[in-house]
Amino acid sequence: MKSNFEIQLASIIRSAAKYFLLLIWSIVVLYLLIENYQDERSRFDSFILQSPYTLIWLILLGLILIAWKWDLFGGVTIVLFGIAMFYYFNFRSIDLFTIESLLAIAIVILGLLILLAWYMLLE
């Protein structure tokens, strides 16, 4: 039987991880939108050029929504997504710690926190 403190702590960890993931997602999408409109090309051409990056972040939004409903499946997929993102961004450039790599590490840590909260709530 879990104590009330353990249940509240797990709930706080789970909620904080999910809200931080949404914060990361919204900051990056806002940045992509601003970058898209400051480009000298037409807006449609800029949107097409930015679409691979936008698609990655739309996938993350879907995973966050899945994690909101199912902690275990969502946490695992977010961790795997963060690892894949880290792999993709590190082998595309020479720098090991680009901002994308740091975001991928943060996504992995937040996914692990969701899994930790799920584990804490197990009976």
N, C-alpha and C. Protein backbone atom coordinates (compact mmCIF):
# COMPACT_ATOMS: atom_id res chain seq x y z
N MET A 1 0.84 -1.19 0.00
CA MET A 1 0.00 0.00 0.00
C MET A 1 0.88 1.25 0.00
N LYS A 2 0.63 2.10 -0.92
CA LYS A 2 1.41 3.33 -1.07
C LYS A 2 0.88 4.39 -0.11
N SER A 3 1.81 5.16 0.44
CA SER A 3 1.38 6.24 1.32
C SER A 3 0.88 7.41 0.47
N ASN A 4 0.18 8.29 1.12
CA ASN A 4 -0.37 9.45 0.45
C ASN A 4 0.75 10.34 -0.11
N PHE A 5 1.86 10.43 0.63
CA PHE A 5 3.01 11.22 0.19
C PHE A 5 3.61 10.67 -1.10
N GLU A 6 3.76 9.33 -1.18
CA GLU A 6 4.32 8.72 -2.38
C GLU A 6 3.42 8.93 -3.59
N ILE A 7 2.13 8.84 -3.39
CA ILE A 7 1.18 9.06 -4.49
C ILE A 7 1.24 10.51 -4.96
N GLN A 8 1.27 11.45 -4.03
CA GLN A 8 1.35 12.85 -4.41
C GLN A 8 2.67 13.18 -5.10
N LEU A 9 3.78 12.61 -4.60
CA LEU A 9 5.09 12.85 -5.21
C LEU A 9 5.13 12.30 -6.64
N ALA A 10 4.60 11.11 -6.84
CA ALA A 10 4.57 10.53 -8.18
C ALA A 10 3.70 11.37 -9.11
N SER A 11 2.59 11.87 -8.60
CA SER A 11 1.71 12.70 -9.40
C SER A 11 2.38 14.02 -9.79
N ILE A 12 3.13 14.60 -8.87
CA ILE A 12 3.84 15.84 -9.15
C ILE A 12 4.94 15.61 -10.18
N ILE A 13 5.70 14.52 -10.02
CA ILE A 13 6.77 14.20 -10.98
C ILE A 13 6.18 13.98 -12.37
N ARG A 14 5.11 13.22 -12.44
CA ARG A 14 4.48 12.92 -13.73
C ARG A 14 3.96 14.19 -14.39
N SER A 15 3.25 15.01 -13.63
CA SER A 15 2.70 16.25 -14.19
C SER A 15 3.80 17.22 -14.61
N ALA A 16 4.83 17.36 -13.78
CA ALA A 16 5.93 18.27 -14.11
C ALA A 16 6.64 17.83 -15.38
N ALA A 17 6.89 16.54 -15.53
CA ALA A 17 7.56 16.04 -16.73
C ALA A 17 6.72 16.31 -17.97
N LYS A 18 5.44 16.06 -17.88
CA LYS A 18 4.57 16.28 -19.04
C LYS A 18 4.45 17.76 -19.40
N TYR A 19 4.35 18.62 -18.39
CA TYR A 19 4.26 20.04 -18.68
C TYR A 19 5.58 20.60 -19.20
N PHE A 20 6.71 20.09 -18.71
CA PHE A 20 8.00 20.53 -19.26
C PHE A 20 8.16 20.07 -20.70
N LEU A 21 7.67 18.88 -21.03
CA LEU A 21 7.70 18.43 -22.42
C LEU A 21 6.86 19.35 -23.29
N LEU A 22 5.68 19.74 -22.81
CA LEU A 22 4.84 20.68 -23.56
C LEU A 22 5.51 22.04 -23.70
N LEU A 23 6.23 22.47 -22.66
CA LEU A 23 6.94 23.74 -22.72
C LEU A 23 8.05 23.69 -23.77
N ILE A 24 8.83 22.61 -23.76
CA ILE A 24 9.88 22.44 -24.78
C ILE A 24 9.25 22.44 -26.17
N TRP A 25 8.17 21.69 -26.32
CA TRP A 25 7.52 21.60 -27.62
C TRP A 25 7.03 22.97 -28.09
N SER A 26 6.38 23.72 -27.22
CA SER A 26 5.82 25.00 -27.63
C SER A 26 6.91 26.02 -27.95
N ILE A 27 8.01 26.01 -27.21
CA ILE A 27 9.11 26.94 -27.50
C ILE A 27 9.73 26.63 -28.86
N VAL A 28 9.96 25.36 -29.14
CA VAL A 28 10.57 24.99 -30.41
C VAL A 28 9.63 25.29 -31.58
N VAL A 29 8.36 24.97 -31.44
CA VAL A 29 7.41 25.25 -32.53
C VAL A 29 7.26 26.75 -32.73
N LEU A 30 7.24 27.52 -31.66
CA LEU A 30 7.18 28.98 -31.79
C LEU A 30 8.43 29.49 -32.50
N TYR A 31 9.59 28.95 -32.16
CA TYR A 31 10.83 29.34 -32.84
C TYR A 31 10.77 28.99 -34.33
N LEU A 32 10.27 27.80 -34.65
CA LEU A 32 10.17 27.42 -36.07
C LEU A 32 9.22 28.32 -36.83
N LEU A 33 8.12 28.73 -36.19
CA LEU A 33 7.18 29.64 -36.86
C LEU A 33 7.79 31.01 -37.07
N ILE A 34 8.51 31.52 -36.08
CA ILE A 34 9.14 32.83 -36.21
C ILE A 34 10.23 32.78 -37.28
N GLU A 35 11.02 31.73 -37.26
CA GLU A 35 12.07 31.58 -38.26
C GLU A 35 11.48 31.46 -39.66
N ASN A 36 10.35 30.82 -39.75
CA ASN A 36 9.67 30.63 -41.03
C ASN A 36 9.24 31.97 -41.63
N TYR A 37 8.75 32.89 -40.80
CA TYR A 37 8.24 34.16 -41.31
C TYR A 37 9.32 35.20 -41.51
N GLN A 38 10.52 34.99 -40.98
CA GLN A 38 11.59 35.95 -41.18
C GLN A 38 12.44 35.61 -42.40
N ASP A 39 12.15 34.51 -43.04
CA ASP A 39 12.92 34.10 -44.19
C ASP A 39 12.60 35.01 -45.38
N GLU A 40 13.58 35.19 -46.26
CA GLU A 40 13.38 36.08 -47.39
C GLU A 40 12.62 35.42 -48.54
N ARG A 41 12.51 34.11 -48.51
CA ARG A 41 11.74 33.42 -49.55
C ARG A 41 10.25 33.63 -49.29
N SER A 42 9.46 33.08 -50.17
CA SER A 42 8.02 33.15 -49.93
C SER A 42 7.69 32.28 -48.72
N ARG A 43 6.59 32.57 -48.09
CA ARG A 43 6.22 31.83 -46.88
C ARG A 43 6.00 30.34 -47.17
N PHE A 44 5.45 30.03 -48.33
CA PHE A 44 5.19 28.64 -48.66
C PHE A 44 6.50 27.88 -48.88
N ASP A 45 7.47 28.49 -49.56
CA ASP A 45 8.77 27.85 -49.76
C ASP A 45 9.48 27.63 -48.43
N SER A 46 9.38 28.60 -47.54
CA SER A 46 10.00 28.46 -46.22
C SER A 46 9.33 27.34 -45.43
N PHE A 47 8.02 27.27 -45.54
CA PHE A 47 7.28 26.22 -44.83
C PHE A 47 7.70 24.83 -45.33
N ILE A 48 7.86 24.68 -46.64
CA ILE A 48 8.27 23.40 -47.21
C ILE A 48 9.68 23.04 -46.74
N LEU A 49 10.58 24.02 -46.69
CA LEU A 49 11.94 23.74 -46.23
C LEU A 49 11.99 23.38 -44.75
N GLN A 50 11.08 23.94 -43.95
CA GLN A 50 11.07 23.66 -42.51
C GLN A 50 10.22 22.45 -42.14
N SER A 51 9.51 21.86 -43.09
CA SER A 51 8.57 20.79 -42.77
C SER A 51 9.22 19.55 -42.15
N PRO A 52 10.44 19.13 -42.51
CA PRO A 52 11.01 17.97 -41.80
C PRO A 52 11.21 18.24 -40.31
N TYR A 53 11.63 19.46 -39.97
CA TYR A 53 11.82 19.79 -38.56
C TYR A 53 10.48 19.89 -37.84
N THR A 54 9.51 20.46 -38.52
CA THR A 54 8.18 20.59 -37.92
C THR A 54 7.55 19.22 -37.71
N LEU A 55 7.76 18.31 -38.64
CA LEU A 55 7.21 16.96 -38.52
C LEU A 55 7.76 16.24 -37.29
N ILE A 56 9.05 16.41 -37.03
CA ILE A 56 9.66 15.79 -35.85
C ILE A 56 8.95 16.27 -34.58
N TRP A 57 8.68 17.57 -34.51
CA TRP A 57 8.06 18.11 -33.31
C TRP A 57 6.57 17.79 -33.24
N LEU A 58 5.92 17.59 -34.36
CA LEU A 58 4.53 17.14 -34.34
C LEU A 58 4.43 15.70 -33.83
N ILE A 59 5.43 14.88 -34.17
CA ILE A 59 5.47 13.52 -33.64
C ILE A 59 5.62 13.56 -32.12
N LEU A 60 6.49 14.46 -31.63
CA LEU A 60 6.65 14.58 -30.18
C LEU A 60 5.35 15.01 -29.52
N LEU A 61 4.60 15.91 -30.13
CA LEU A 61 3.31 16.31 -29.56
C LEU A 61 2.38 15.11 -29.45
N GLY A 62 2.34 14.29 -30.48
CA GLY A 62 1.53 13.08 -30.43
C GLY A 62 1.95 12.15 -29.30
N LEU A 63 3.26 12.01 -29.11
CA LEU A 63 3.76 11.15 -28.03
C LEU A 63 3.43 11.72 -26.66
N ILE A 64 3.47 13.04 -26.53
CA ILE A 64 3.09 13.67 -25.26
C ILE A 64 1.62 13.40 -24.96
N LEU A 65 0.78 13.51 -25.98
CA LEU A 65 -0.65 13.24 -25.78
C LEU A 65 -0.89 11.78 -25.43
N ILE A 66 -0.11 10.87 -26.01
CA ILE A 66 -0.21 9.46 -25.65
C ILE A 66 0.23 9.25 -24.21
N ALA A 67 1.31 9.92 -23.82
CA ALA A 67 1.81 9.79 -22.44
C ALA A 67 0.81 10.36 -21.43
N TRP A 68 0.01 11.30 -21.84
CA TRP A 68 -0.98 11.86 -20.93
C TRP A 68 -2.04 10.82 -20.57
N LYS A 69 -2.31 9.93 -21.51
CA LYS A 69 -3.32 8.90 -21.27
C LYS A 69 -2.71 7.62 -20.70
N TRP A 70 -1.59 7.16 -21.29
CA TRP A 70 -0.95 5.91 -20.87
C TRP A 70 0.51 6.19 -20.51
N ASP A 71 0.80 6.20 -19.22
CA ASP A 71 2.14 6.58 -18.75
C ASP A 71 3.23 5.64 -19.24
N LEU A 72 3.01 4.35 -19.14
CA LEU A 72 4.07 3.39 -19.50
C LEU A 72 4.39 3.46 -20.99
N PHE A 73 3.41 3.32 -21.82
CA PHE A 73 3.64 3.34 -23.27
C PHE A 73 4.17 4.70 -23.72
N GLY A 74 3.59 5.76 -23.22
CA GLY A 74 4.04 7.10 -23.58
C GLY A 74 5.45 7.39 -23.11
N GLY A 75 5.77 6.99 -21.89
CA GLY A 75 7.12 7.21 -21.37
C GLY A 75 8.17 6.47 -22.17
N VAL A 76 7.88 5.21 -22.51
CA VAL A 76 8.83 4.41 -23.30
C VAL A 76 9.01 5.02 -24.68
N THR A 77 7.93 5.40 -25.33
CA THR A 77 8.05 5.97 -26.68
C THR A 77 8.75 7.33 -26.65
N ILE A 78 8.54 8.12 -25.61
CA ILE A 78 9.24 9.41 -25.51
C ILE A 78 10.73 9.19 -25.31
N VAL A 79 11.11 8.22 -24.48
CA VAL A 79 12.53 7.91 -24.29
C VAL A 79 13.14 7.44 -25.60
N LEU A 80 12.47 6.54 -26.31
CA LEU A 80 12.98 6.06 -27.59
C LEU A 80 13.05 7.19 -28.62
N PHE A 81 12.07 8.07 -28.62
CA PHE A 81 12.08 9.21 -29.51
C PHE A 81 13.27 10.12 -29.22
N GLY A 82 13.53 10.38 -27.94
CA GLY A 82 14.66 11.22 -27.55
C GLY A 82 15.99 10.61 -27.94
N ILE A 83 16.13 9.28 -27.78
CA ILE A 83 17.36 8.60 -28.18
C ILE A 83 17.54 8.67 -29.69
N ALA A 84 16.46 8.45 -30.44
CA ALA A 84 16.54 8.53 -31.90
C ALA A 84 16.88 9.96 -32.34
N MET A 85 16.30 10.93 -31.67
CA MET A 85 16.58 12.32 -31.98
C MET A 85 18.04 12.67 -31.70
N PHE A 86 18.56 12.18 -30.58
CA PHE A 86 19.97 12.41 -30.23
C PHE A 86 20.87 11.78 -31.28
N TYR A 87 20.56 10.57 -31.69
CA TYR A 87 21.33 9.88 -32.72
C TYR A 87 21.29 10.65 -34.03
N TYR A 88 20.11 11.09 -34.43
CA TYR A 88 19.94 11.81 -35.70
C TYR A 88 20.72 13.12 -35.71
N PHE A 89 20.62 13.90 -34.64
CA PHE A 89 21.27 15.20 -34.63
C PHE A 89 22.78 15.11 -34.41
N ASN A 90 23.26 14.07 -33.74
CA ASN A 90 24.70 13.98 -33.50
C ASN A 90 25.45 13.47 -34.70
N PHE A 91 24.85 12.65 -35.52
CA PHE A 91 25.57 12.14 -36.68
C PHE A 91 25.33 12.97 -37.92
N ARG A 92 24.58 14.03 -37.79
CA ARG A 92 24.36 14.95 -38.89
C ARG A 92 25.34 16.10 -38.85
N SER A 93 25.88 16.39 -37.67
CA SER A 93 26.81 17.50 -37.53
C SER A 93 28.05 17.04 -36.77
N ILE A 94 29.05 17.87 -36.76
CA ILE A 94 30.31 17.53 -36.10
C ILE A 94 30.22 17.81 -34.59
N ASP A 95 29.53 18.86 -34.21
CA ASP A 95 29.40 19.20 -32.80
C ASP A 95 28.62 18.14 -32.05
N LEU A 96 29.14 17.77 -30.88
CA LEU A 96 28.44 16.76 -30.08
C LEU A 96 27.29 17.39 -29.30
N PHE A 97 27.48 18.58 -28.78
CA PHE A 97 26.46 19.19 -27.95
C PHE A 97 25.88 20.43 -28.62
N THR A 98 25.08 20.19 -29.63
CA THR A 98 24.32 21.26 -30.24
C THR A 98 23.05 21.45 -29.41
N ILE A 99 22.31 22.49 -29.70
CA ILE A 99 21.08 22.73 -28.95
C ILE A 99 20.08 21.60 -29.17
N GLU A 100 20.08 21.01 -30.38
CA GLU A 100 19.17 19.90 -30.65
C GLU A 100 19.54 18.69 -29.80
N SER A 101 20.84 18.45 -29.62
CA SER A 101 21.28 17.33 -28.80
C SER A 101 20.90 17.53 -27.34
N LEU A 102 21.04 18.75 -26.87
CA LEU A 102 20.65 19.03 -25.48
C LEU A 102 19.14 18.89 -25.29
N LEU A 103 18.37 19.29 -26.30
CA LEU A 103 16.92 19.09 -26.23
C LEU A 103 16.58 17.60 -26.22
N ALA A 104 17.30 16.82 -27.02
CA ALA A 104 17.06 15.37 -27.05
C ALA A 104 17.37 14.74 -25.70
N ILE A 105 18.46 15.17 -25.06
CA ILE A 105 18.81 14.66 -23.74
C ILE A 105 17.72 15.03 -22.73
N ALA A 106 17.22 16.27 -22.82
CA ALA A 106 16.14 16.69 -21.91
C ALA A 106 14.88 15.86 -22.14
N ILE A 107 14.58 15.55 -23.39
CA ILE A 107 13.40 14.73 -23.69
C ILE A 107 13.55 13.33 -23.11
N VAL A 108 14.75 12.76 -23.22
CA VAL A 108 14.99 11.43 -22.64
C VAL A 108 14.82 11.48 -21.12
N ILE A 109 15.37 12.49 -20.47
CA ILE A 109 15.26 12.60 -19.01
C ILE A 109 13.80 12.77 -18.59
N LEU A 110 13.05 13.59 -19.31
CA LEU A 110 11.64 13.78 -18.96
C LEU A 110 10.83 12.52 -19.21
N GLY A 111 11.16 11.78 -20.25
CA GLY A 111 10.50 10.49 -20.47
C GLY A 111 10.80 9.50 -19.36
N LEU A 112 12.05 9.52 -18.89
CA LEU A 112 12.41 8.65 -17.76
C LEU A 112 11.68 9.06 -16.48
N LEU A 113 11.45 10.34 -16.30
CA LEU A 113 10.67 10.79 -15.14
C LEU A 113 9.23 10.31 -15.21
N ILE A 114 8.66 10.29 -16.40
CA ILE A 114 7.30 9.75 -16.55
C ILE A 114 7.29 8.27 -16.18
N LEU A 115 8.31 7.53 -16.62
CA LEU A 115 8.40 6.11 -16.27
C LEU A 115 8.62 5.92 -14.77
N LEU A 116 9.42 6.80 -14.17
CA LEU A 116 9.64 6.72 -12.71
C LEU A 116 8.34 6.93 -11.96
N ALA A 117 7.56 7.92 -12.39
CA ALA A 117 6.28 8.18 -11.72
C ALA A 117 5.33 7.00 -11.91
N TRP A 118 5.33 6.39 -13.09
CA TRP A 118 4.50 5.20 -13.31
C TRP A 118 4.92 4.09 -12.38
N TYR A 119 6.24 3.89 -12.24
CA TYR A 119 6.74 2.82 -11.38
C TYR A 119 6.41 3.10 -9.91
N MET A 120 6.46 4.35 -9.51
CA MET A 120 6.14 4.70 -8.13
C MET A 120 4.69 4.42 -7.79
N LEU A 121 3.81 4.45 -8.78
CA LEU A 121 2.39 4.23 -8.53
C LEU A 121 1.98 2.77 -8.64
N LEU A 122 2.93 1.91 -9.00
CA LEU A 122 2.61 0.48 -9.04
C LEU A 122 2.32 -0.05 -7.64
N GLU A 123 1.42 -0.94 -7.55
CA GLU A 123 1.10 -1.53 -6.25
C GLU A 123 2.05 -2.67 -5.94
